[in-house]
N, C-alpha and C. Protein backbone atom coordinates (compact mmCIF):
# COMPACT_ATOMS: atom_id res chain seq x y z
N MET A 1 0.83 -1.17 0.00
CA MET A 1 0.00 0.00 0.00
C MET A 1 0.89 1.25 0.00
N ILE A 2 0.52 2.22 -0.82
CA ILE A 2 1.26 3.49 -0.92
C ILE A 2 0.47 4.58 -0.21
N THR A 3 1.15 5.30 0.65
CA THR A 3 0.56 6.48 1.28
C THR A 3 1.51 7.65 1.06
N VAL A 4 0.94 8.85 0.98
CA VAL A 4 1.72 10.08 0.86
C VAL A 4 1.27 11.00 1.97
N ARG A 5 2.23 11.56 2.67
CA ARG A 5 1.89 12.48 3.75
C ARG A 5 2.85 13.66 3.76
N GLU A 6 2.36 14.76 4.32
CA GLU A 6 3.17 15.95 4.46
C GLU A 6 3.98 15.85 5.75
N LEU A 7 5.23 16.27 5.67
CA LEU A 7 6.07 16.25 6.86
C LEU A 7 5.99 17.57 7.61
N GLY A 8 6.07 17.48 8.92
CA GLY A 8 6.19 18.64 9.77
C GLY A 8 7.63 18.79 10.22
N LEU A 9 7.91 19.83 10.97
CA LEU A 9 9.27 20.10 11.42
C LEU A 9 9.85 18.95 12.25
N ASP A 10 9.00 18.28 13.01
CA ASP A 10 9.50 17.18 13.84
C ASP A 10 9.83 15.93 13.05
N ASP A 11 9.50 15.94 11.76
CA ASP A 11 9.81 14.80 10.88
C ASP A 11 11.14 14.99 10.15
N TRP A 12 11.97 15.88 10.63
CA TRP A 12 13.21 16.23 9.92
C TRP A 12 14.10 15.01 9.68
N ARG A 13 14.10 14.06 10.58
CA ARG A 13 14.95 12.87 10.40
C ARG A 13 14.53 12.05 9.17
N ILE A 14 13.21 11.96 8.96
CA ILE A 14 12.71 11.21 7.80
C ILE A 14 13.18 11.89 6.52
N TRP A 15 13.00 13.23 6.46
CA TRP A 15 13.44 13.97 5.27
C TRP A 15 14.94 13.82 5.09
N ARG A 16 15.70 13.98 6.16
CA ARG A 16 17.16 13.85 6.10
C ARG A 16 17.58 12.49 5.55
N ASP A 17 17.03 11.44 6.12
CA ASP A 17 17.46 10.10 5.72
C ASP A 17 17.18 9.84 4.24
N LEU A 18 15.99 10.22 3.77
CA LEU A 18 15.68 10.03 2.36
C LEU A 18 16.54 10.93 1.47
N ARG A 19 16.69 12.17 1.88
CA ARG A 19 17.43 13.14 1.05
C ARG A 19 18.90 12.74 0.90
N LEU A 20 19.52 12.29 1.96
CA LEU A 20 20.93 11.88 1.87
C LEU A 20 21.10 10.68 0.93
N VAL A 21 20.18 9.74 1.01
CA VAL A 21 20.25 8.59 0.10
C VAL A 21 20.02 9.07 -1.34
N ALA A 22 19.05 9.97 -1.53
CA ALA A 22 18.77 10.48 -2.88
C ALA A 22 19.98 11.19 -3.46
N LEU A 23 20.63 12.03 -2.67
CA LEU A 23 21.80 12.77 -3.17
C LEU A 23 22.96 11.84 -3.49
N ALA A 24 23.09 10.76 -2.74
CA ALA A 24 24.15 9.78 -3.01
C ALA A 24 23.82 8.93 -4.24
N GLU A 25 22.56 8.55 -4.37
CA GLU A 25 22.14 7.65 -5.45
C GLU A 25 22.00 8.36 -6.79
N ALA A 26 21.60 9.63 -6.77
CA ALA A 26 21.37 10.38 -8.02
C ALA A 26 22.02 11.76 -7.93
N PRO A 27 23.35 11.81 -7.85
CA PRO A 27 24.04 13.08 -7.59
C PRO A 27 23.85 14.16 -8.65
N ARG A 28 23.56 13.80 -9.89
CA ARG A 28 23.39 14.82 -10.93
C ARG A 28 21.95 15.33 -11.04
N ALA A 29 21.05 14.69 -10.34
CA ALA A 29 19.63 15.02 -10.49
C ALA A 29 19.20 16.26 -9.71
N PHE A 30 19.98 16.67 -8.73
CA PHE A 30 19.56 17.74 -7.83
C PHE A 30 20.56 18.89 -7.84
N HIS A 31 20.08 20.07 -7.48
CA HIS A 31 20.99 21.22 -7.35
C HIS A 31 21.91 21.03 -6.15
N SER A 32 21.41 20.47 -5.08
CA SER A 32 22.22 20.23 -3.88
C SER A 32 23.15 19.05 -4.13
N ARG A 33 24.19 19.03 -3.37
CA ARG A 33 25.16 17.94 -3.43
C ARG A 33 25.21 17.24 -2.08
N LEU A 34 25.56 15.99 -2.08
CA LEU A 34 25.68 15.23 -0.84
C LEU A 34 26.61 15.94 0.13
N ALA A 35 27.72 16.45 -0.37
CA ALA A 35 28.69 17.15 0.50
C ALA A 35 28.08 18.37 1.18
N ASP A 36 27.06 18.98 0.55
CA ASP A 36 26.40 20.14 1.14
C ASP A 36 25.58 19.77 2.37
N TRP A 37 25.13 18.54 2.45
CA TRP A 37 24.18 18.14 3.49
C TRP A 37 24.65 17.04 4.42
N VAL A 38 25.70 16.34 4.09
CA VAL A 38 26.09 15.17 4.88
C VAL A 38 26.40 15.51 6.34
N GLY A 39 26.91 16.67 6.61
CA GLY A 39 27.22 17.05 7.99
C GLY A 39 26.21 17.99 8.62
N ALA A 40 25.09 18.20 7.95
CA ALA A 40 24.08 19.14 8.45
C ALA A 40 23.45 18.62 9.74
N GLY A 41 23.17 19.56 10.63
CA GLY A 41 22.56 19.21 11.90
C GLY A 41 21.05 19.37 11.89
N GLU A 42 20.47 19.09 13.02
CA GLU A 42 19.01 19.14 13.15
C GLU A 42 18.43 20.48 12.72
N GLN A 43 19.03 21.58 13.12
CA GLN A 43 18.50 22.90 12.77
C GLN A 43 18.51 23.13 11.26
N ASP A 44 19.56 22.66 10.58
CA ASP A 44 19.63 22.79 9.12
C ASP A 44 18.47 22.05 8.46
N TRP A 45 18.20 20.85 8.93
CA TRP A 45 17.13 20.05 8.34
C TRP A 45 15.77 20.63 8.65
N ARG A 46 15.60 21.16 9.87
CA ARG A 46 14.34 21.81 10.20
C ARG A 46 14.13 23.05 9.32
N GLU A 47 15.20 23.80 9.07
CA GLU A 47 15.10 24.97 8.19
C GLU A 47 14.69 24.55 6.78
N ARG A 48 15.22 23.45 6.32
CA ARG A 48 14.85 22.94 4.99
C ARG A 48 13.34 22.68 4.93
N LEU A 49 12.80 22.13 6.01
CA LEU A 49 11.37 21.84 6.04
C LEU A 49 10.52 23.11 6.24
N ARG A 50 11.16 24.20 6.65
CA ARG A 50 10.45 25.48 6.77
C ARG A 50 10.36 26.21 5.42
N ALA A 51 11.13 25.77 4.45
CA ALA A 51 11.12 26.43 3.13
C ALA A 51 9.70 26.41 2.58
N PRO A 52 9.36 27.40 1.76
CA PRO A 52 8.00 27.45 1.21
C PRO A 52 7.63 26.16 0.48
N GLY A 53 6.42 25.75 0.68
CA GLY A 53 5.92 24.57 0.00
C GLY A 53 5.53 23.46 0.94
N ARG A 54 5.22 22.34 0.36
CA ARG A 54 4.82 21.15 1.10
C ARG A 54 5.86 20.07 0.85
N HIS A 55 6.46 19.59 1.91
CA HIS A 55 7.45 18.50 1.83
C HIS A 55 6.69 17.20 2.04
N LEU A 56 6.64 16.39 0.99
CA LEU A 56 5.84 15.18 1.01
C LEU A 56 6.73 13.94 0.97
N VAL A 57 6.30 12.93 1.70
CA VAL A 57 7.00 11.65 1.71
C VAL A 57 6.01 10.56 1.37
N ALA A 58 6.45 9.65 0.52
CA ALA A 58 5.65 8.46 0.20
C ALA A 58 6.18 7.30 1.02
N GLU A 59 5.24 6.48 1.45
CA GLU A 59 5.60 5.25 2.16
C GLU A 59 4.99 4.08 1.39
N LEU A 60 5.77 3.06 1.26
CA LEU A 60 5.32 1.81 0.63
C LEU A 60 5.28 0.77 1.74
N ASP A 61 4.09 0.28 2.03
CA ASP A 61 3.89 -0.67 3.13
C ASP A 61 4.49 -0.15 4.44
N GLY A 62 4.28 1.16 4.68
CA GLY A 62 4.71 1.77 5.93
C GLY A 62 6.16 2.20 5.99
N ARG A 63 6.91 1.99 4.91
CA ARG A 63 8.34 2.32 4.90
C ARG A 63 8.59 3.52 3.99
N PRO A 64 9.18 4.63 4.52
CA PRO A 64 9.47 5.79 3.67
C PRO A 64 10.34 5.39 2.48
N CYS A 65 9.93 5.82 1.27
CA CYS A 65 10.66 5.39 0.08
C CYS A 65 10.68 6.44 -1.02
N GLY A 66 10.11 7.61 -0.78
CA GLY A 66 10.12 8.64 -1.81
C GLY A 66 9.81 10.00 -1.22
N GLN A 67 10.24 11.04 -1.92
CA GLN A 67 10.01 12.39 -1.44
C GLN A 67 9.87 13.35 -2.60
N VAL A 68 9.21 14.48 -2.32
CA VAL A 68 9.02 15.53 -3.30
C VAL A 68 8.62 16.80 -2.55
N VAL A 69 8.83 17.94 -3.20
CA VAL A 69 8.37 19.22 -2.66
C VAL A 69 7.43 19.86 -3.66
N ALA A 70 6.29 20.32 -3.15
CA ALA A 70 5.33 21.11 -3.94
C ALA A 70 5.56 22.57 -3.56
N VAL A 71 5.96 23.37 -4.53
CA VAL A 71 6.27 24.78 -4.29
C VAL A 71 5.09 25.63 -4.76
N PRO A 72 4.57 26.54 -3.90
CA PRO A 72 3.41 27.37 -4.27
C PRO A 72 3.67 28.18 -5.54
N PRO A 73 2.59 28.58 -6.20
CA PRO A 73 2.73 29.31 -7.47
C PRO A 73 3.37 30.68 -7.30
N ASP A 74 4.08 31.07 -8.35
CA ASP A 74 4.67 32.40 -8.42
C ASP A 74 3.61 33.39 -8.91
N GLN A 75 4.02 34.62 -9.19
CA GLN A 75 3.07 35.65 -9.63
C GLN A 75 2.42 35.32 -10.97
N ASP A 76 3.02 34.41 -11.74
CA ASP A 76 2.44 34.00 -13.02
C ASP A 76 1.53 32.78 -12.88
N GLY A 77 1.32 32.31 -11.66
CA GLY A 77 0.45 31.16 -11.44
C GLY A 77 1.10 29.82 -11.71
N VAL A 78 2.45 29.78 -11.69
CA VAL A 78 3.17 28.53 -11.96
C VAL A 78 3.72 27.96 -10.65
N ALA A 79 3.21 26.80 -10.27
CA ALA A 79 3.73 26.06 -9.12
C ALA A 79 4.83 25.14 -9.62
N ASP A 80 5.70 24.71 -8.71
CA ASP A 80 6.80 23.82 -9.10
C ASP A 80 6.79 22.53 -8.31
N LEU A 81 7.19 21.48 -8.99
CA LEU A 81 7.45 20.17 -8.41
C LEU A 81 8.96 20.05 -8.38
N ILE A 82 9.54 19.92 -7.19
CA ILE A 82 10.99 19.82 -7.10
C ILE A 82 11.41 18.63 -6.22
N SER A 83 12.62 18.19 -6.45
CA SER A 83 13.28 17.19 -5.61
C SER A 83 12.57 15.85 -5.54
N LEU A 84 11.90 15.45 -6.60
CA LEU A 84 11.25 14.13 -6.61
C LEU A 84 12.32 13.05 -6.67
N TRP A 85 12.18 12.10 -5.77
CA TRP A 85 13.09 10.94 -5.77
C TRP A 85 12.34 9.77 -5.16
N VAL A 86 12.56 8.59 -5.75
CA VAL A 86 11.98 7.34 -5.25
C VAL A 86 13.12 6.34 -5.11
N ALA A 87 13.15 5.65 -3.99
CA ALA A 87 14.17 4.63 -3.73
C ALA A 87 14.11 3.55 -4.80
N PRO A 88 15.27 3.03 -5.19
CA PRO A 88 15.29 2.00 -6.25
C PRO A 88 14.33 0.83 -6.01
N HIS A 89 14.21 0.37 -4.77
CA HIS A 89 13.34 -0.78 -4.51
C HIS A 89 11.86 -0.46 -4.71
N ALA A 90 11.50 0.83 -4.74
CA ALA A 90 10.10 1.22 -4.87
C ALA A 90 9.76 1.74 -6.26
N ARG A 91 10.73 1.79 -7.15
CA ARG A 91 10.47 2.27 -8.51
C ARG A 91 9.61 1.26 -9.26
N GLY A 92 8.68 1.78 -10.04
CA GLY A 92 7.79 0.93 -10.80
C GLY A 92 6.60 0.42 -10.00
N THR A 93 6.43 0.91 -8.78
CA THR A 93 5.32 0.45 -7.93
C THR A 93 4.16 1.44 -7.87
N GLY A 94 4.33 2.62 -8.46
CA GLY A 94 3.30 3.64 -8.38
C GLY A 94 3.62 4.75 -7.38
N VAL A 95 4.75 4.64 -6.68
CA VAL A 95 5.12 5.65 -5.69
C VAL A 95 5.32 7.01 -6.37
N ALA A 96 6.05 7.06 -7.46
CA ALA A 96 6.26 8.34 -8.15
C ALA A 96 4.94 8.93 -8.63
N ASP A 97 4.06 8.09 -9.14
CA ASP A 97 2.74 8.56 -9.57
C ASP A 97 1.98 9.18 -8.40
N ALA A 98 2.03 8.53 -7.25
CA ALA A 98 1.33 9.04 -6.06
C ALA A 98 1.90 10.39 -5.63
N LEU A 99 3.22 10.54 -5.70
CA LEU A 99 3.84 11.81 -5.33
C LEU A 99 3.45 12.92 -6.31
N ILE A 100 3.46 12.62 -7.60
CA ILE A 100 3.07 13.62 -8.60
C ILE A 100 1.61 14.01 -8.42
N THR A 101 0.76 13.04 -8.16
CA THR A 101 -0.66 13.31 -7.92
C THR A 101 -0.84 14.21 -6.70
N ALA A 102 -0.10 13.95 -5.65
CA ALA A 102 -0.21 14.77 -4.44
C ALA A 102 0.24 16.21 -4.71
N VAL A 103 1.35 16.37 -5.43
CA VAL A 103 1.83 17.72 -5.76
C VAL A 103 0.80 18.43 -6.63
N THR A 104 0.24 17.74 -7.59
CA THR A 104 -0.78 18.33 -8.47
C THR A 104 -1.97 18.81 -7.64
N GLY A 105 -2.40 18.01 -6.69
CA GLY A 105 -3.51 18.40 -5.83
C GLY A 105 -3.21 19.66 -5.04
N HIS A 106 -2.00 19.77 -4.51
CA HIS A 106 -1.61 20.99 -3.78
C HIS A 106 -1.60 22.19 -4.72
N ALA A 107 -1.03 22.01 -5.90
CA ALA A 107 -0.93 23.13 -6.85
C ALA A 107 -2.31 23.64 -7.24
N VAL A 108 -3.22 22.72 -7.52
CA VAL A 108 -4.58 23.13 -7.86
C VAL A 108 -5.24 23.83 -6.67
N GLY A 109 -5.03 23.27 -5.48
CA GLY A 109 -5.59 23.87 -4.27
C GLY A 109 -5.09 25.29 -4.04
N TRP A 110 -3.88 25.57 -4.45
CA TRP A 110 -3.32 26.91 -4.33
C TRP A 110 -3.81 27.85 -5.43
N GLY A 111 -4.50 27.30 -6.42
CA GLY A 111 -4.98 28.12 -7.52
C GLY A 111 -3.97 28.29 -8.65
N ALA A 112 -2.95 27.45 -8.69
CA ALA A 112 -1.95 27.53 -9.76
C ALA A 112 -2.59 27.22 -11.11
N ARG A 113 -2.08 27.87 -12.14
CA ARG A 113 -2.56 27.61 -13.50
C ARG A 113 -1.73 26.55 -14.21
N ARG A 114 -0.46 26.42 -13.79
CA ARG A 114 0.44 25.43 -14.38
C ARG A 114 1.30 24.82 -13.29
N LEU A 115 1.77 23.60 -13.55
CA LEU A 115 2.73 22.93 -12.69
C LEU A 115 3.96 22.66 -13.55
N ALA A 116 5.13 23.05 -13.05
CA ALA A 116 6.36 22.91 -13.83
C ALA A 116 7.41 22.18 -13.01
N LEU A 117 8.44 21.71 -13.71
CA LEU A 117 9.56 21.00 -13.09
C LEU A 117 10.76 21.05 -14.02
N HIS A 118 11.89 20.60 -13.52
CA HIS A 118 13.09 20.42 -14.32
C HIS A 118 13.52 18.96 -14.23
N VAL A 119 13.98 18.41 -15.34
CA VAL A 119 14.52 17.05 -15.35
C VAL A 119 15.85 17.10 -16.10
N VAL A 120 16.86 16.46 -15.53
CA VAL A 120 18.19 16.46 -16.13
C VAL A 120 18.17 15.73 -17.47
N VAL A 121 18.79 16.34 -18.47
CA VAL A 121 18.92 15.70 -19.77
C VAL A 121 19.62 14.36 -19.59
N GLY A 122 19.06 13.33 -20.16
CA GLY A 122 19.63 11.99 -20.03
C GLY A 122 18.89 11.14 -19.02
N ASN A 123 18.07 11.76 -18.16
CA ASN A 123 17.28 10.99 -17.20
C ASN A 123 15.96 10.63 -17.87
N GLU A 124 16.06 9.71 -18.82
CA GLU A 124 14.91 9.38 -19.65
C GLU A 124 13.79 8.71 -18.86
N ARG A 125 14.13 7.94 -17.85
CA ARG A 125 13.08 7.30 -17.05
C ARG A 125 12.20 8.36 -16.39
N ALA A 126 12.81 9.39 -15.81
CA ALA A 126 12.04 10.46 -15.18
C ALA A 126 11.25 11.24 -16.22
N ALA A 127 11.88 11.57 -17.34
CA ALA A 127 11.20 12.33 -18.39
C ALA A 127 9.98 11.56 -18.89
N ALA A 128 10.11 10.25 -19.05
CA ALA A 128 8.98 9.43 -19.51
C ALA A 128 7.86 9.43 -18.47
N LEU A 129 8.21 9.37 -17.20
CA LEU A 129 7.22 9.44 -16.13
C LEU A 129 6.44 10.75 -16.23
N TYR A 130 7.16 11.86 -16.38
CA TYR A 130 6.50 13.16 -16.45
C TYR A 130 5.65 13.28 -17.72
N ARG A 131 6.14 12.79 -18.83
CA ARG A 131 5.34 12.82 -20.07
C ARG A 131 4.04 12.02 -19.89
N ARG A 132 4.14 10.88 -19.21
CA ARG A 132 2.96 10.07 -18.95
C ARG A 132 1.91 10.84 -18.14
N HIS A 133 2.36 11.79 -17.34
CA HIS A 133 1.46 12.63 -16.55
C HIS A 133 1.03 13.89 -17.30
N GLY A 134 1.42 13.99 -18.57
CA GLY A 134 0.98 15.11 -19.39
C GLY A 134 1.94 16.29 -19.48
N PHE A 135 3.09 16.20 -18.83
CA PHE A 135 4.07 17.28 -18.91
C PHE A 135 4.65 17.34 -20.32
N VAL A 136 4.84 18.55 -20.81
CA VAL A 136 5.48 18.74 -22.12
C VAL A 136 6.77 19.51 -21.93
N ASP A 137 7.72 19.25 -22.81
CA ASP A 137 9.04 19.87 -22.75
C ASP A 137 8.96 21.31 -23.24
N LEU A 138 9.43 22.23 -22.43
CA LEU A 138 9.45 23.65 -22.79
C LEU A 138 10.82 24.11 -23.27
N GLY A 139 11.80 23.22 -23.23
CA GLY A 139 13.14 23.58 -23.70
C GLY A 139 14.21 23.36 -22.65
N ALA A 140 15.44 23.43 -23.11
CA ALA A 140 16.59 23.17 -22.25
C ALA A 140 16.99 24.41 -21.47
N VAL A 141 17.47 24.16 -20.25
CA VAL A 141 17.97 25.20 -19.36
C VAL A 141 19.28 24.69 -18.78
N GLU A 142 20.31 25.50 -18.80
CA GLU A 142 21.59 25.07 -18.23
C GLU A 142 21.71 25.61 -16.81
N ARG A 143 22.03 24.70 -15.87
CA ARG A 143 22.23 25.09 -14.48
C ARG A 143 23.60 25.73 -14.34
N PRO A 144 23.82 26.49 -13.27
CA PRO A 144 25.13 27.11 -13.03
C PRO A 144 26.27 26.10 -12.94
N ASP A 145 25.96 24.85 -12.54
CA ASP A 145 27.00 23.83 -12.43
C ASP A 145 27.28 23.14 -13.77
N GLY A 146 26.65 23.63 -14.86
CA GLY A 146 26.91 23.09 -16.19
C GLY A 146 26.03 21.93 -16.60
N ILE A 147 25.15 21.49 -15.72
CA ILE A 147 24.24 20.39 -16.05
C ILE A 147 23.03 20.97 -16.77
N THR A 148 22.66 20.34 -17.88
CA THR A 148 21.51 20.80 -18.67
C THR A 148 20.25 20.05 -18.25
N GLN A 149 19.18 20.81 -18.09
CA GLN A 149 17.89 20.25 -17.72
C GLN A 149 16.85 20.68 -18.75
N HIS A 150 15.78 19.94 -18.79
CA HIS A 150 14.62 20.34 -19.58
C HIS A 150 13.57 20.87 -18.62
N ARG A 151 12.98 22.01 -18.97
CA ARG A 151 11.85 22.54 -18.22
C ARG A 151 10.61 21.89 -18.81
N MET A 152 9.77 21.32 -17.96
CA MET A 152 8.55 20.66 -18.39
C MET A 152 7.39 21.25 -17.60
N ALA A 153 6.19 21.27 -18.20
CA ALA A 153 5.04 21.82 -17.50
C ALA A 153 3.75 21.20 -18.01
N ILE A 154 2.72 21.32 -17.19
CA ILE A 154 1.36 20.93 -17.57
C ILE A 154 0.41 22.04 -17.13
N PRO A 155 -0.65 22.25 -17.92
CA PRO A 155 -1.70 23.16 -17.46
C PRO A 155 -2.50 22.45 -16.36
N LEU A 156 -3.06 23.22 -15.45
CA LEU A 156 -3.83 22.63 -14.36
C LEU A 156 -5.31 22.98 -14.48
N PRO A 157 -6.16 22.07 -14.08
CA PRO A 157 -7.60 22.36 -14.07
C PRO A 157 -7.94 23.26 -12.89
N ALA A 158 -9.13 23.82 -12.92
CA ALA A 158 -9.58 24.66 -11.82
C ALA A 158 -9.82 23.82 -10.56
N ARG A 159 -10.20 22.54 -10.76
CA ARG A 159 -10.42 21.62 -9.65
C ARG A 159 -9.70 20.33 -9.93
N PHE A 160 -9.36 19.63 -8.86
CA PHE A 160 -8.64 18.38 -9.02
C PHE A 160 -9.25 17.36 -8.07
N THR A 161 -9.58 16.21 -8.61
CA THR A 161 -10.10 15.13 -7.80
C THR A 161 -9.06 14.03 -7.75
N LEU A 162 -8.71 13.64 -6.54
CA LEU A 162 -7.74 12.55 -6.40
C LEU A 162 -8.32 11.28 -6.97
N PRO A 163 -7.49 10.50 -7.68
CA PRO A 163 -7.98 9.23 -8.21
C PRO A 163 -8.35 8.29 -7.08
N VAL A 164 -9.36 7.47 -7.30
CA VAL A 164 -9.77 6.49 -6.31
C VAL A 164 -8.92 5.24 -6.51
N PRO A 165 -8.27 4.75 -5.44
CA PRO A 165 -7.46 3.54 -5.59
C PRO A 165 -8.32 2.37 -6.08
N ASP A 166 -7.73 1.56 -6.95
CA ASP A 166 -8.48 0.42 -7.51
C ASP A 166 -8.34 -0.84 -6.68
N GLY A 167 -7.63 -0.74 -5.56
CA GLY A 167 -7.51 -1.88 -4.66
C GLY A 167 -6.38 -2.82 -5.00
N SER A 168 -5.62 -2.53 -6.06
CA SER A 168 -4.53 -3.45 -6.42
C SER A 168 -3.25 -3.04 -5.76
């Protein structure tokens, strides 16, 4: 069973543990680097959870296995999906879909008109996941560290209904 929940400040250890594994497992996928966070203390992690947005964690059979941040819309009505990561053992189980659905629900709830994200060029598995959810490529963007990403976005409806689980 997959569940997605929002973390509070007291859940900093859960975010830390997943984030450190994500940064080690997929070092080119994120702006942050493992070296930036490996020695961070409790206050640093709590500050990370205070950043604007909703910090969401997915659990598969009660075990944390994925994370994402839903960032509120800017003045143009564009919300962002950032830092999506799913543990290798949980890939292909629907965890990423559940996280994207949760972020979409938050974005619609905030009144966003579009949901956008960045995916590193060459991360075809992630790009295919986002395309399956209706995201379209808006073009390449080069990060300051020289890594090229594609900006992807989807228009959002005025209302969003969470899908009903089919019991499988």
